[in-house]
Each structure stands twice: as C-alpha cells, then as structure tokens.
Amino acid sequence: MASQPFRFVHPGTFMSPKMTRDLATKSKNGVRKLALQKMIASTPLTYKPRAIREVNIGWGGKGVGHDECTKDGETAVAATLIYWASGDKRYGELAISILKSWATTNVVFSGNNAPLEAAWSVCSMARAAELLKYSELKEHWNEIEPVFMKWLDAVIMPVLREPSLWRWDMKNNWHFSIICARMQVAILREDVSEWEWCVKTYREIFPKALVCGECCGETIECKRDVTHAQMLLGGMIQAPEMALHQGIKLYDDRLIECVELQARIMMKEIPKGLKSEDIKTPYGYWPEPIYEIAYAHFAGRMKKEMPNTAKYLQQPKVRPDRVTFHWGGNTLTHA
C-alpha cells in the first residue's frame, strides 16, 4: 500500500489547533490570566511598525535593523496571541499591519548576522500569519498574503537557506533557530519538501549540539554563557513541539537533562561536572523564555520528573514569560 501524502495541520504553530482554540477559556484564570494581562500591557494598540527598506546587521546585532525586525516580530506574534485569547480584533489587525509593512517595505536583508536575525523575526511573523490565516480575520490576511509570500521568496528565504551555514562543524543556536523559522514557513505555505528538510536536518544535528562529558545535559553552548545556552535550548525545544502538532516525533528525552541542567545554572547552582568558571554571565542571569514548553511536554504530557525546572519556574521574574525573538508567550499557551 502506498504511503499517504503528508498533510499539514492548521493552525500549526507551537500549539495544536485545540490549544489555539482553548486560549480564550484557559486565559481567564490563574497564571495564564496574569500572562495575558502582562502581554496586553506590553503590546500597545498604538504600536507602529518599524519596517525599513534595507537591513544590514553585523555580528552581535550591530548595524541597521536588529531592533526593527526583532521588535516587530515579537509584537506581531504577541498581538496575534492576544487576539486569539481575548477576541479583540484590533490586536489581530495590528499584527497584519506589521506583516504588511515588512512585505511592502523591505527589499534587502543582509549582514553577517542576517540568517539568525531573519530566523528570529520571520519565525514570529510566519507564526502570526499562520494564526491569522485560520482566524475570523482570514479575509484581512488574504488581502496581504500574496505580497507577504513574495517577500519571503525574494528577500528572506535565500538568507535562511544559505548553504555555507550547514558546513559549520559546530551546530549551535543559529541552526536550531533557522530550522524553527523554516518549519513555520513550511507550515504556513504547506511546503512539504521544506518541512521534510527541517525534520531530517533536526534529527541529524541534534546529537551534535550535545556534549558527551562528565556533566550530564551539557550542550555546546553551555560554557559559552547562560544566555546563548538558553537560546540553543529554545530552538531544540520549539522545533519538536511544532513537529508534535504535525504528527511527527522529534522530542528526545535527552532534552530533559539539558533543561534540568540549565534550570540549576539559572538558580546559581554549580552542577556536577562544571566549575564556577564555566558559568559565564556577560548578559546576567536574565531568563530566556524556553522552559514552559519543555516542562509542559515532559512533565505534563509524559509525566517525567523535572524538579529543577519546576522549582525554577516558580522563581521571581520567570513567570509569566515574555516574548523574545521567536521564543516565549508560553506561560499563556502552555502553563
């Protein structure tokens, strides 16, 4: 019997269609209600898109366009989540205005840091687009879909598909963020070949991001600094969550050890196998919003023990998490 062709599930993001529909009821109480209130407070309806004609971002986000593209991506997805949770169409319309602005304004996306910056911002924009496409605002989305897709083809996808990136021996936060972005675009466009490349590549590079040493759960970014270690884990967690809702298993139980280790580090503990000088904090101990999805999957769905992560999620300033680059908003969606 011939295998059935792959069919995408919509709306497909780091939420299933049911999780998306349930946002409105589940955000009425508890920590999710607090998360929605915080998201609304940080997403003013007076927000103006910051799209620019030419982006040229160097290493470390220096140059032109970092703040513009990342902030617009964050705001687009936050506004769309607010719209689904609250029913206030003004937030969905705000998101559409941001997507339209970039699609009709930006013609160059360049610079050494461009692939990473494009992944961060476009993953969020494509996620917003996917949620809008299957909402009551779909007619508004349909009006800008052709120009948005044209922009992706002409400006963004060549940056995300840069082949030299995959010749790096070390597979770091860049690669997993790019996979997440290409996954979200593939779902939005129902691009099976792009999706299959993402799944295949994730499986190939996942082991290369782990360090097989004395410290259980160590990743290749762990000794770089706590911020980039969290960024790497963010992509390693978000991609299998997206795949799960498309019926594909990418989750690996080794992620439990990775997240548990990072949670301990964020609580200023020194795990066995690491030394104090291994824990670098040039950006401080600011929590990146990567823990909710991992905890919801492994502790919630799979009933695995994650005591360090559970403890960390109760620390001050961790919940509700914030939307950052292409992560976050997951206290609202997964808590």
C-alpha atoms as a PDB file:
ATOM      1  CA  MET A   1       0.000   0.000   0.000  1.00  0.00           C
ATOM      2  CA  ALA A   2       1.360   3.410  -0.974  1.00  0.00           C
ATOM      3  CA  SER A   3       2.075   5.770   1.908  1.00  0.00           C
ATOM      4  CA  GLN A   4      -0.323   8.626   2.368  1.00  0.00           C
ATOM      5  CA  PRO A   5       0.973  12.090   1.403  1.00  0.00           C
ATOM      6  CA  PHE A   6       1.893  14.313   4.321  1.00  0.00           C
ATOM      7  CA  ARG A   7      -0.884  16.697   5.312  1.00  0.00           C
ATOM      8  CA  PHE A   8      -0.325  19.758   7.436  1.00  0.00           C
ATOM      9  CA  VAL A   9      -2.492  20.501  10.453  1.00  0.00           C
ATOM     10  CA  HIS A  10      -3.760  24.085  10.769  1.00  0.00           C
ATOM     11  CA  PRO A  11      -3.386  26.376  12.516  1.00  0.00           C
ATOM     12  CA  GLY A  12       0.023  24.867  13.163  1.00  0.00           C
ATOM     13  CA  THR A  13       2.453  26.599  15.496  1.00  0.00           C
ATOM     14  CA  PHE A  14       3.904  25.586  18.858  1.00  0.00           C
ATOM     15  CA  MET A  15       0.243  24.987  19.655  1.00  0.00           C
ATOM     16  CA  SER A  16      -2.163  22.421  18.279  1.00  0.00           C
ATOM     17  CA  PRO A  17      -5.438  23.677  16.790  1.00  0.00           C
ATOM     18  CA  LYS A  18      -7.214  22.698  20.019  1.00  0.00           C
ATOM     19  CA  MET A  19      -4.677  24.540  22.176  1.00  0.00           C
ATOM     20  CA  THR A  20      -5.205  27.601  19.992  1.00  0.00           C
ATOM     21  CA  ARG A  21      -8.985  27.444  20.285  1.00  0.00           C
ATOM     22  CA  ASP A  22      -8.730  26.934  24.049  1.00  0.00           C
ATOM     23  CA  LEU A  23      -6.686  30.093  24.627  1.00  0.00           C
ATOM     24  CA  ALA A  24      -9.812  32.157  25.210  1.00  0.00           C
ATOM     25  CA  THR A  25     -11.120  29.970  28.028  1.00  0.00           C
ATOM     26  CA  LYS A  26      -7.807  28.983  29.614  1.00  0.00           C
ATOM     27  CA  SER A  27      -6.602  32.577  29.880  1.00  0.00           C
ATOM     28  CA  LYS A  28      -9.461  33.570  32.185  1.00  0.00           C
ATOM     29  CA  ASN A  29      -7.842  32.286  35.373  1.00  0.00           C
ATOM     30  CA  GLY A  30      -4.584  31.712  37.207  1.00  0.00           C
ATOM     31  CA  VAL A  31      -1.128  32.270  35.782  1.00  0.00           C
ATOM     32  CA  ARG A  32      -2.458  32.310  32.216  1.00  0.00           C
ATOM     33  CA  LYS A  33      -4.715  35.239  33.060  1.00  0.00           C
ATOM     34  CA  LEU A  34      -1.705  37.044  34.503  1.00  0.00           C
ATOM     35  CA  ALA A  35       0.286  36.201  31.368  1.00  0.00           C
ATOM     36  CA  LEU A  36      -2.396  37.676  29.121  1.00  0.00           C
ATOM     37  CA  GLN A  37      -2.607  40.830  31.225  1.00  0.00           C
ATOM     38  CA  LYS A  38       1.153  41.278  31.071  1.00  0.00           C
ATOM     39  CA  MET A  39       1.191  40.690  27.318  1.00  0.00           C
ATOM     40  CA  ILE A  40      -1.560  43.249  26.752  1.00  0.00           C
ATOM     41  CA  ALA A  41       0.274  45.794  28.908  1.00  0.00           C
ATOM     42  CA  SER A  42       3.437  45.391  26.811  1.00  0.00           C
ATOM     43  CA  THR A  43       1.642  45.422  23.420  1.00  0.00           C
ATOM     44  CA  PRO A  44       0.034  48.847  22.938  1.00  0.00           C
ATOM     45  CA  LEU A  45      -2.507  49.234  20.148  1.00  0.00           C
ATOM     46  CA  THR A  46      -0.710  52.468  19.238  1.00  0.00           C
ATOM     47  CA  TYR A  47       2.378  50.477  18.223  1.00  0.00           C
ATOM     48  CA  LYS A  48       3.732  51.480  14.788  1.00  0.00           C
ATOM     49  CA  PRO A  49       5.567  49.006  12.523  1.00  0.00           C
ATOM     50  CA  ARG A  50       9.288  49.682  12.178  1.00  0.00           C
ATOM     51  CA  ALA A  51       9.925  48.108   8.779  1.00  0.00           C
ATOM     52  CA  ILE A  52      12.899  49.503   6.880  1.00  0.00           C
ATOM     53  CA  ARG A  53      13.928  49.172   3.262  1.00  0.00           C
ATOM     54  CA  GLU A  54      17.414  47.781   3.814  1.00  0.00           C
ATOM     55  CA  VAL A  55      18.538  45.655   6.748  1.00  0.00           C
ATOM     56  CA  ASN A  56      22.267  45.175   7.286  1.00  0.00           C
ATOM     57  CA  ILE A  57      23.045  43.528  10.613  1.00  0.00           C
ATOM     58  CA  GLY A  58      26.548  42.565  11.677  1.00  0.00           C
ATOM     59  CA  TRP A  59      27.826  40.314  14.421  1.00  0.00           C
ATOM     60  CA  GLY A  60      26.136  40.830  17.758  1.00  0.00           C
ATOM     61  CA  GLY A  61      23.191  42.654  16.212  1.00  0.00           C
ATOM     62  CA  LYS A  62      25.255  45.705  15.326  1.00  0.00           C
ATOM     63  CA  GLY A  63      24.355  47.687  12.236  1.00  0.00           C
ATOM     64  CA  VAL A  64      20.925  48.555  10.894  1.00  0.00           C
ATOM     65  CA  GLY A  65      17.723  46.642  11.520  1.00  0.00           C
ATOM     66  CA  HIS A  66      18.137  44.462  14.615  1.00  0.00           C
ATOM     67  CA  ASP A  67      15.716  46.364  16.829  1.00  0.00           C
ATOM     68  CA  GLU A  68      13.290  46.965  13.983  1.00  0.00           C
ATOM     69  CA  CYS A  69      12.894  43.389  12.768  1.00  0.00           C
ATOM     70  CA  THR A  70      13.037  41.598  16.119  1.00  0.00           C
ATOM     71  CA  LYS A  71      10.681  44.011  17.882  1.00  0.00           C
ATOM     72  CA  ASP A  72       8.195  43.863  15.028  1.00  0.00           C
ATOM     73  CA  GLY A  73       8.328  40.058  15.012  1.00  0.00           C
ATOM     74  CA  GLU A  74       7.778  39.922  18.757  1.00  0.00           C
ATOM     75  CA  THR A  75       4.910  42.392  18.595  1.00  0.00           C
ATOM     76  CA  ALA A  76       3.229  40.624  15.668  1.00  0.00           C
ATOM     77  CA  VAL A  77       3.105  37.268  17.433  1.00  0.00           C
ATOM     78  CA  ALA A  78       2.201  38.780  20.818  1.00  0.00           C
ATOM     79  CA  ALA A  79      -0.655  40.757  19.266  1.00  0.00           C
ATOM     80  CA  THR A  80      -1.923  37.648  17.498  1.00  0.00           C
ATOM     81  CA  LEU A  81      -1.856  35.604  20.698  1.00  0.00           C
ATOM     82  CA  ILE A  82      -3.743  38.399  22.459  1.00  0.00           C
ATOM     83  CA  TYR A  83      -6.312  38.403  19.659  1.00  0.00           C
ATOM     84  CA  TRP A  84      -6.899  34.642  19.964  1.00  0.00           C
ATOM     85  CA  ALA A  85      -7.068  34.839  23.775  1.00  0.00           C
ATOM     86  CA  SER A  86      -9.199  37.963  24.114  1.00  0.00           C
ATOM     87  CA  GLY A  87     -11.180  38.107  20.881  1.00  0.00           C
ATOM     88  CA  ASP A  88     -10.173  41.749  20.395  1.00  0.00           C
ATOM     89  CA  LYS A  89      -9.734  42.032  16.630  1.00  0.00           C
ATOM     90  CA  ARG A  90      -7.742  45.228  16.962  1.00  0.00           C
ATOM     91  CA  TYR A  91      -4.737  43.177  18.022  1.00  0.00           C
ATOM     92  CA  GLY A  92      -5.047  40.908  15.002  1.00  0.00           C
ATOM     93  CA  GLU A  93      -5.260  43.972  12.778  1.00  0.00           C
ATOM     94  CA  LEU A  94      -2.124  45.355  14.438  1.00  0.00           C
ATOM     95  CA  ALA A  95      -0.293  42.126  13.598  1.00  0.00           C
ATOM     96  CA  ILE A  96      -1.477  42.283   9.994  1.00  0.00           C
ATOM     97  CA  SER A  97      -0.225  45.865   9.694  1.00  0.00           C
ATOM     98  CA  ILE A  98       3.244  44.766  10.823  1.00  0.00           C
ATOM     99  CA  LEU A  99       3.395  41.894   8.334  1.00  0.00           C
ATOM    100  CA  LYS A 100       2.175  44.127   5.520  1.00  0.00           C
ATOM    101  CA  SER A 101       4.701  46.812   6.395  1.00  0.00           C
ATOM    102  CA  TRP A 102       7.674  44.445   6.103  1.00  0.00           C
ATOM    103  CA  ALA A 103       6.349  42.781   2.963  1.00  0.00           C
ATOM    104  CA  THR A 104       5.879  46.102   1.183  1.00  0.00           C
ATOM    105  CA  THR A 105       8.921  47.955   2.526  1.00  0.00           C
ATOM    106  CA  ASN A 106      11.881  45.632   2.997  1.00  0.00           C
ATOM    107  CA  VAL A 107      13.900  44.681  -0.092  1.00  0.00           C
ATOM    108  CA  VAL A 108      17.318  43.808   1.381  1.00  0.00           C
ATOM    109  CA  PHE A 109      18.145  41.632   4.395  1.00  0.00           C
ATOM    110  CA  SER A 110      21.914  41.354   4.658  1.00  0.00           C
ATOM    111  CA  GLY A 111      24.886  41.270   7.010  1.00  0.00           C
ATOM    112  CA  ASN A 112      26.888  38.677   8.916  1.00  0.00           C
ATOM    113  CA  ASN A 113      24.110  38.171  11.447  1.00  0.00           C
ATOM    114  CA  ALA A 114      21.322  38.230   8.856  1.00  0.00           C
ATOM    115  CA  PRO A 115      20.432  34.494   8.897  1.00  0.00           C
ATOM    116  CA  LEU A 116      19.942  34.493  12.655  1.00  0.00           C
ATOM    117  CA  GLU A 117      18.073  37.809  12.721  1.00  0.00           C
ATOM    118  CA  ALA A 118      15.848  36.672   9.862  1.00  0.00           C
ATOM    119  CA  ALA A 119      15.125  33.430  11.703  1.00  0.00           C
ATOM    120  CA  TRP A 120      14.167  35.228  14.895  1.00  0.00           C
ATOM    121  CA  SER A 121      11.883  37.778  13.275  1.00  0.00           C
ATOM    122  CA  VAL A 122      10.372  35.778  10.425  1.00  0.00           C
ATOM    123  CA  CYS A 123       9.614  32.740  12.593  1.00  0.00           C
ATOM    124  CA  SER A 124       7.458  35.038  14.716  1.00  0.00           C
ATOM    125  CA  MET A 125       5.925  36.783  11.703  1.00  0.00           C
ATOM    126  CA  ALA A 126       5.111  33.494   9.970  1.00  0.00           C
ATOM    127  CA  ARG A 127       3.633  32.176  13.224  1.00  0.00           C
ATOM    128  CA  ALA A 128       1.412  35.238  13.446  1.00  0.00           C
ATOM    129  CA  ALA A 129       0.448  34.780   9.798  1.00  0.00           C
ATOM    130  CA  GLU A 130      -0.488  31.136  10.360  1.00  0.00           C
ATOM    131  CA  LEU A 131      -2.715  32.026  13.298  1.00  0.00           C
ATOM    132  CA  LEU A 132      -4.336  34.877  11.382  1.00  0.00           C
ATOM    133  CA  LYS A 133      -4.913  32.777   8.282  1.00  0.00           C
ATOM    134  CA  TYR A 134      -7.158  30.420  10.248  1.00  0.00           C
ATOM    135  CA  SER A 135      -8.984  33.042  12.269  1.00  0.00           C
ATOM    136  CA  GLU A 136     -12.008  35.271  11.770  1.00  0.00           C
ATOM    137  CA  LEU A 137      -9.574  37.799  10.271  1.00  0.00           C
ATOM    138  CA  LYS A 138      -8.646  35.440   7.436  1.00  0.00           C
ATOM    139  CA  GLU A 139     -10.137  37.774   4.824  1.00  0.00           C
ATOM    140  CA  HIS A 140      -7.856  40.566   6.047  1.00  0.00           C
ATOM    141  CA  TRP A 141      -4.900  38.173   5.900  1.00  0.00           C
ATOM    142  CA  ASN A 142      -5.890  37.028   2.392  1.00  0.00           C
ATOM    143  CA  GLU A 143      -5.505  40.607   1.177  1.00  0.00           C
ATOM    144  CA  ILE A 144      -1.806  40.713   2.089  1.00  0.00           C
ATOM    145  CA  GLU A 145      -0.880  37.031   1.679  1.00  0.00           C
ATOM    146  CA  PRO A 146       0.394  37.320  -1.925  1.00  0.00           C
ATOM    147  CA  VAL A 147       2.756  40.198  -1.160  1.00  0.00           C
ATOM    148  CA  PHE A 148       3.924  38.563   2.099  1.00  0.00           C
ATOM    149  CA  MET A 149       4.732  35.304   0.304  1.00  0.00           C
ATOM    150  CA  LYS A 150       6.512  37.202  -2.449  1.00  0.00           C
ATOM    151  CA  TRP A 151       8.650  38.965   0.170  1.00  0.00           C
ATOM    152  CA  LEU A 152       9.524  35.635   1.778  1.00  0.00           C
ATOM    153  CA  ASP A 153      10.605  34.207  -1.588  1.00  0.00           C
ATOM    154  CA  ALA A 154      12.565  37.205  -2.791  1.00  0.00           C
ATOM    155  CA  VAL A 155      14.186  38.517   0.386  1.00  0.00           C
ATOM    156  CA  ILE A 156      14.029  36.125   3.333  1.00  0.00           C
ATOM    157  CA  MET A 157      14.246  32.504   2.219  1.00  0.00           C
ATOM    158  CA  PRO A 158      17.550  32.933   0.337  1.00  0.00           C
ATOM    159  CA  VAL A 159      19.041  34.183   3.622  1.00  0.00           C
ATOM    160  CA  LEU A 160      17.617  31.295   5.642  1.00  0.00           C
ATOM    161  CA  ARG A 161      18.781  28.772   3.031  1.00  0.00           C
ATOM    162  CA  GLU A 162      22.379  29.997   2.881  1.00  0.00           C
ATOM    163  CA  PRO A 163      24.252  26.687   2.343  1.00  0.00           C
ATOM    164  CA  SER A 164      27.505  27.740   3.991  1.00  0.00           C
ATOM    165  CA  LEU A 165      25.815  27.730   7.411  1.00  0.00           C
ATOM    166  CA  TRP A 166      25.414  23.966   7.312  1.00  0.00           C
ATOM    167  CA  ARG A 167      29.099  23.362   6.691  1.00  0.00           C
ATOM    168  CA  TRP A 168      29.972  24.561  10.190  1.00  0.00           C
ATOM    169  CA  ASP A 169      31.276  21.693  12.320  1.00  0.00           C
ATOM    170  CA  MET A 170      29.590  23.129  15.401  1.00  0.00           C
ATOM    171  CA  LYS A 171      25.808  23.192  15.328  1.00  0.00           C
ATOM    172  CA  ASN A 172      24.711  25.994  17.630  1.00  0.00           C
ATOM    173  CA  ASN A 173      21.750  28.259  18.403  1.00  0.00           C
ATOM    174  CA  TRP A 174      21.800  29.624  14.842  1.00  0.00           C
ATOM    175  CA  HIS A 175      20.964  26.299  13.247  1.00  0.00           C
ATOM    176  CA  PHE A 176      18.067  25.431  15.513  1.00  0.00           C
ATOM    177  CA  SER A 177      16.513  28.901  15.237  1.00  0.00           C
ATOM    178  CA  ILE A 178      16.774  28.700  11.444  1.00  0.00           C
ATOM    179  CA  ILE A 179      15.116  25.276  11.480  1.00  0.00           C
ATOM    180  CA  CYS A 180      12.267  26.696  13.585  1.00  0.00           C
ATOM    181  CA  ALA A 181      11.771  29.566  11.146  1.00  0.00           C
ATOM    182  CA  ARG A 182      11.834  27.327   8.094  1.00  0.00           C
ATOM    183  CA  MET A 183       9.429  24.927   9.806  1.00  0.00           C
ATOM    184  CA  GLN A 184       6.942  27.711  10.489  1.00  0.00           C
ATOM    185  CA  VAL A 185       7.185  28.988   6.931  1.00  0.00           C
ATOM    186  CA  ALA A 186       6.732  25.440   5.620  1.00  0.00           C
ATOM    187  CA  ILE A 187       3.526  25.013   7.637  1.00  0.00           C
ATOM    188  CA  LEU A 188       2.211  28.393   6.501  1.00  0.00           C
ATOM    189  CA  ARG A 189       2.892  27.597   2.847  1.00  0.00           C
ATOM    190  CA  GLU A 190       2.154  23.875   3.026  1.00  0.00           C
ATOM    191  CA  ASP A 191       5.619  23.243   1.626  1.00  0.00           C
ATOM    192  CA  VAL A 192       6.212  19.534   2.187  1.00  0.00           C
ATOM    193  CA  SER A 193       9.761  19.457   0.810  1.00  0.00           C
ATOM    194  CA  GLU A 194      10.815  22.344   3.065  1.00  0.00           C
ATOM    195  CA  TRP A 195       9.177  20.633   6.043  1.00  0.00           C
ATOM    196  CA  GLU A 196      10.892  17.314   5.317  1.00  0.00           C
ATOM    197  CA  TRP A 197      14.263  19.071   5.078  1.00  0.00           C
ATOM    198  CA  CYS A 198      13.678  20.626   8.514  1.00  0.00           C
ATOM    199  CA  VAL A 199      12.729  17.330  10.140  1.00  0.00           C
ATOM    200  CA  LYS A 200      15.646  15.474   8.571  1.00  0.00           C
ATOM    201  CA  THR A 201      18.152  18.175   9.462  1.00  0.00           C
ATOM    202  CA  TYR A 202      16.958  18.478  13.060  1.00  0.00           C
ATOM    203  CA  ARG A 203      17.447  14.744  13.548  1.00  0.00           C
ATOM    204  CA  GLU A 204      20.907  14.918  12.035  1.00  0.00           C
ATOM    205  CA  ILE A 205      22.229  17.856  14.045  1.00  0.00           C
ATOM    206  CA  PHE A 206      20.559  17.234  17.416  1.00  0.00           C
ATOM    207  CA  PRO A 207      23.331  14.912  18.687  1.00  0.00           C
ATOM    208  CA  LYS A 208      25.981  17.376  17.512  1.00  0.00           C
ATOM    209  CA  ALA A 209      24.637  20.009  19.898  1.00  0.00           C
ATOM    210  CA  LEU A 210      25.250  17.777  22.917  1.00  0.00           C
ATOM    211  CA  VAL A 211      28.497  17.371  24.816  1.00  0.00           C
ATOM    212  CA  CYS A 212      29.186  13.814  25.899  1.00  0.00           C
ATOM    213  CA  GLY A 213      31.169  14.557  29.018  1.00  0.00           C
ATOM    214  CA  GLU A 214      31.069  14.316  32.784  1.00  0.00           C
ATOM    215  CA  CYS A 215      28.287  16.889  33.053  1.00  0.00           C
ATOM    216  CA  CYS A 216      25.004  15.240  32.104  1.00  0.00           C
ATOM    217  CA  GLY A 217      22.877  17.526  29.937  1.00  0.00           C
ATOM    218  CA  GLU A 218      25.660  19.835  28.753  1.00  0.00           C
ATOM    219  CA  THR A 219      25.250  21.441  25.331  1.00  0.00           C
ATOM    220  CA  ILE A 220      27.880  23.031  23.131  1.00  0.00           C
ATOM    221  CA  GLU A 221      26.716  26.495  24.204  1.00  0.00           C
ATOM    222  CA  CYS A 222      26.697  25.697  27.935  1.00  0.00           C
ATOM    223  CA  LYS A 223      30.179  27.049  28.661  1.00  0.00           C
ATOM    224  CA  ARG A 224      29.819  29.984  26.281  1.00  0.00           C
ATOM    225  CA  ASP A 225      27.337  31.840  28.508  1.00  0.00           C
ATOM    226  CA  VAL A 226      23.959  31.254  30.081  1.00  0.00           C
ATOM    227  CA  THR A 227      22.113  33.401  27.523  1.00  0.00           C
ATOM    228  CA  HIS A 228      23.330  31.556  24.422  1.00  0.00           C
ATOM    229  CA  ALA A 229      22.877  28.215  26.182  1.00  0.00           C
ATOM    230  CA  GLN A 230      19.217  29.102  26.663  1.00  0.00           C
ATOM    231  CA  MET A 231      18.917  30.304  23.058  1.00  0.00           C
ATOM    232  CA  LEU A 232      20.212  26.958  21.814  1.00  0.00           C
ATOM    233  CA  LEU A 233      17.787  25.039  24.004  1.00  0.00           C
ATOM    234  CA  GLY A 234      14.959  27.284  22.845  1.00  0.00           C
ATOM    235  CA  GLY A 235      15.320  26.087  19.271  1.00  0.00           C
ATOM    236  CA  MET A 236      15.980  22.497  20.305  1.00  0.00           C
ATOM    237  CA  ILE A 237      12.682  22.518  22.246  1.00  0.00           C
ATOM    238  CA  GLN A 238      10.463  24.593  19.969  1.00  0.00           C
ATOM    239  CA  ALA A 239      11.100  22.559  16.797  1.00  0.00           C
ATOM    240  CA  PRO A 240       9.906  19.235  18.262  1.00  0.00           C
ATOM    241  CA  GLU A 241       6.897  20.973  19.813  1.00  0.00           C
ATOM    242  CA  MET A 242       5.932  22.270  16.376  1.00  0.00           C
ATOM    243  CA  ALA A 243       6.548  18.837  14.873  1.00  0.00           C
ATOM    244  CA  LEU A 244       4.463  17.124  17.557  1.00  0.00           C
ATOM    245  CA  HIS A 245       1.395  19.059  16.483  1.00  0.00           C
ATOM    246  CA  GLN A 246       2.011  17.926  12.905  1.00  0.00           C
ATOM    247  CA  GLY A 247       2.154  14.290  13.994  1.00  0.00           C
ATOM    248  CA  ILE A 248       5.958  13.949  13.870  1.00  0.00           C
ATOM    249  CA  LYS A 249       8.096  12.757  16.809  1.00  0.00           C
ATOM    250  CA  LEU A 250      11.235  14.831  17.228  1.00  0.00           C
ATOM    251  CA  TYR A 251      11.300  15.064  21.014  1.00  0.00           C
ATOM    252  CA  ASP A 252      14.313  13.341  22.592  1.00  0.00           C
ATOM    253  CA  ASP A 253      14.420  12.527  26.312  1.00  0.00           C
ATOM    254  CA  ARG A 254      17.967  13.867  26.473  1.00  0.00           C
ATOM    255  CA  LEU A 255      16.387  17.306  26.399  1.00  0.00           C
ATOM    256  CA  ILE A 256      15.143  16.670  29.950  1.00  0.00           C
ATOM    257  CA  GLU A 257      18.725  16.563  31.223  1.00  0.00           C
ATOM    258  CA  CYS A 258      19.640  19.653  29.208  1.00  0.00           C
ATOM    259  CA  VAL A 259      16.762  21.741  30.540  1.00  0.00           C
ATOM    260  CA  GLU A 260      17.203  20.464  34.092  1.00  0.00           C
ATOM    261  CA  LEU A 261      20.893  21.390  33.973  1.00  0.00           C
ATOM    262  CA  GLN A 262      20.165  24.868  32.659  1.00  0.00           C
ATOM    263  CA  ALA A 263      17.485  25.425  35.285  1.00  0.00           C
ATOM    264  CA  ARG A 264      20.040  24.646  38.009  1.00  0.00           C
ATOM    265  CA  ILE A 265      22.536  27.042  36.466  1.00  0.00           C
ATOM    266  CA  MET A 266      19.879  29.761  36.325  1.00  0.00           C
ATOM    267  CA  MET A 267      19.289  29.229  40.050  1.00  0.00           C
ATOM    268  CA  LYS A 268      23.041  29.886  40.510  1.00  0.00           C
ATOM    269  CA  GLU A 269      23.910  26.309  41.346  1.00  0.00           C
ATOM    270  CA  ILE A 270      27.041  24.581  40.016  1.00  0.00           C
ATOM    271  CA  PRO A 271      26.062  21.183  38.601  1.00  0.00           C
ATOM    272  CA  LYS A 272      28.387  18.212  38.906  1.00  0.00           C
ATOM    273  CA  GLY A 273      30.943  18.221  36.108  1.00  0.00           C
ATOM    274  CA  LEU A 274      31.020  22.013  35.809  1.00  0.00           C
ATOM    275  CA  LYS A 275      33.144  24.552  37.638  1.00  0.00           C
ATOM    276  CA  SER A 276      32.222  28.057  38.684  1.00  0.00           C
ATOM    277  CA  GLU A 277      34.437  29.484  35.934  1.00  0.00           C
ATOM    278  CA  ASP A 278      32.411  27.515  33.377  1.00  0.00           C
ATOM    279  CA  ILE A 279      29.310  29.580  34.181  1.00  0.00           C
ATOM    280  CA  LYS A 280      29.653  32.832  32.227  1.00  0.00           C
ATOM    281  CA  THR A 281      27.089  35.603  32.582  1.00  0.00           C
ATOM    282  CA  PRO A 282      28.047  38.578  30.397  1.00  0.00           C
ATOM    283  CA  TYR A 283      24.339  39.319  29.978  1.00  0.00           C
ATOM    284  CA  GLY A 284      23.438  38.413  33.551  1.00  0.00           C
ATOM    285  CA  TYR A 285      21.053  35.634  34.579  1.00  0.00           C
ATOM    286  CA  TRP A 286      18.107  37.006  32.650  1.00  0.00           C
ATOM    287  CA  PRO A 287      15.691  34.112  31.957  1.00  0.00           C
ATOM    288  CA  GLU A 288      15.077  33.384  28.286  1.00  0.00           C
ATOM    289  CA  PRO A 289      11.519  32.092  27.770  1.00  0.00           C
ATOM    290  CA  ILE A 290      12.297  28.465  26.945  1.00  0.00           C
ATOM    291  CA  TYR A 291      11.164  26.475  29.980  1.00  0.00           C
ATOM    292  CA  GLU A 292       7.365  26.386  29.762  1.00  0.00           C
ATOM    293  CA  ILE A 293       7.152  24.235  26.627  1.00  0.00           C
ATOM    294  CA  ALA A 294       9.742  21.732  27.838  1.00  0.00           C
ATOM    295  CA  TYR A 295       8.022  21.393  31.204  1.00  0.00           C
ATOM    296  CA  ALA A 296       4.558  21.127  29.643  1.00  0.00           C
ATOM    297  CA  HIS A 297       5.716  18.325  27.364  1.00  0.00           C
ATOM    298  CA  PHE A 298       7.975  16.210  29.525  1.00  0.00           C
ATOM    299  CA  ALA A 299       6.445  16.772  32.980  1.00  0.00           C
ATOM    300  CA  GLY A 300       2.885  17.404  31.797  1.00  0.00           C
ATOM    301  CA  ARG A 301       2.260  15.071  28.876  1.00  0.00           C
ATOM    302  CA  MET A 302       4.947  12.454  29.503  1.00  0.00           C
ATOM    303  CA  LYS A 303       4.829  12.520  33.339  1.00  0.00           C
ATOM    304  CA  LYS A 304       8.625  12.751  33.622  1.00  0.00           C
ATOM    305  CA  GLU A 305      10.309  14.188  36.687  1.00  0.00           C
ATOM    306  CA  MET A 306      11.726  17.703  36.177  1.00  0.00           C
ATOM    307  CA  PRO A 307      12.209  19.009  39.727  1.00  0.00           C
ATOM    308  CA  ASN A 308      14.779  21.678  38.858  1.00  0.00           C
ATOM    309  CA  THR A 309      12.629  23.118  36.091  1.00  0.00           C
ATOM    310  CA  ALA A 310       9.542  23.061  38.312  1.00  0.00           C
ATOM    311  CA  LYS A 311      11.451  24.941  41.000  1.00  0.00           C
ATOM    312  CA  TYR A 312      12.905  27.425  38.542  1.00  0.00           C
ATOM    313  CA  LEU A 313       9.508  28.267  37.043  1.00  0.00           C
ATOM    314  CA  GLN A 314       8.436  29.437  40.500  1.00  0.00           C
ATOM    315  CA  GLN A 315      11.348  31.848  40.844  1.00  0.00           C
ATOM    316  CA  PRO A 316      10.691  35.627  40.701  1.00  0.00           C
ATOM    317  CA  LYS A 317      10.562  37.182  37.200  1.00  0.00           C
ATOM    318  CA  VAL A 318      10.384  33.818  35.417  1.00  0.00           C
ATOM    319  CA  ARG A 319       6.605  33.626  35.087  1.00  0.00           C
ATOM    320  CA  PRO A 320       4.836  34.894  33.131  1.00  0.00           C
ATOM    321  CA  ASP A 321       7.493  34.637  30.444  1.00  0.00           C
ATOM    322  CA  ARG A 322       7.897  37.299  27.799  1.00  0.00           C
ATOM    323  CA  VAL A 323       8.005  37.091  24.001  1.00  0.00           C
ATOM    324  CA  THR A 324      11.660  37.304  22.984  1.00  0.00           C
ATOM    325  CA  PHE A 325      12.795  36.879  19.374  1.00  0.00           C
ATOM    326  CA  HIS A 326      10.951  33.683  18.328  1.00  0.00           C
ATOM    327  CA  TRP A 327      10.506  32.234  21.816  1.00  0.00           C
ATOM    328  CA  GLY A 328       8.077  32.951  24.602  1.00  0.00           C
ATOM    329  CA  GLY A 329       4.482  33.741  25.285  1.00  0.00           C
ATOM    330  CA  ASN A 330       4.318  30.188  26.563  1.00  0.00           C
ATOM    331  CA  THR A 331       3.049  30.867  30.054  1.00  0.00           C
ATOM    332  CA  LEU A 332      -0.073  31.945  28.174  1.00  0.00           C
ATOM    333  CA  THR A 333      -0.047  28.968  25.791  1.00  0.00           C
ATOM    334  CA  HIS A 334       1.381  26.063  27.807  1.00  0.00           C
ATOM    335  CA  ALA A 335       1.277  26.680  31.581  1.00  0.00           C
END
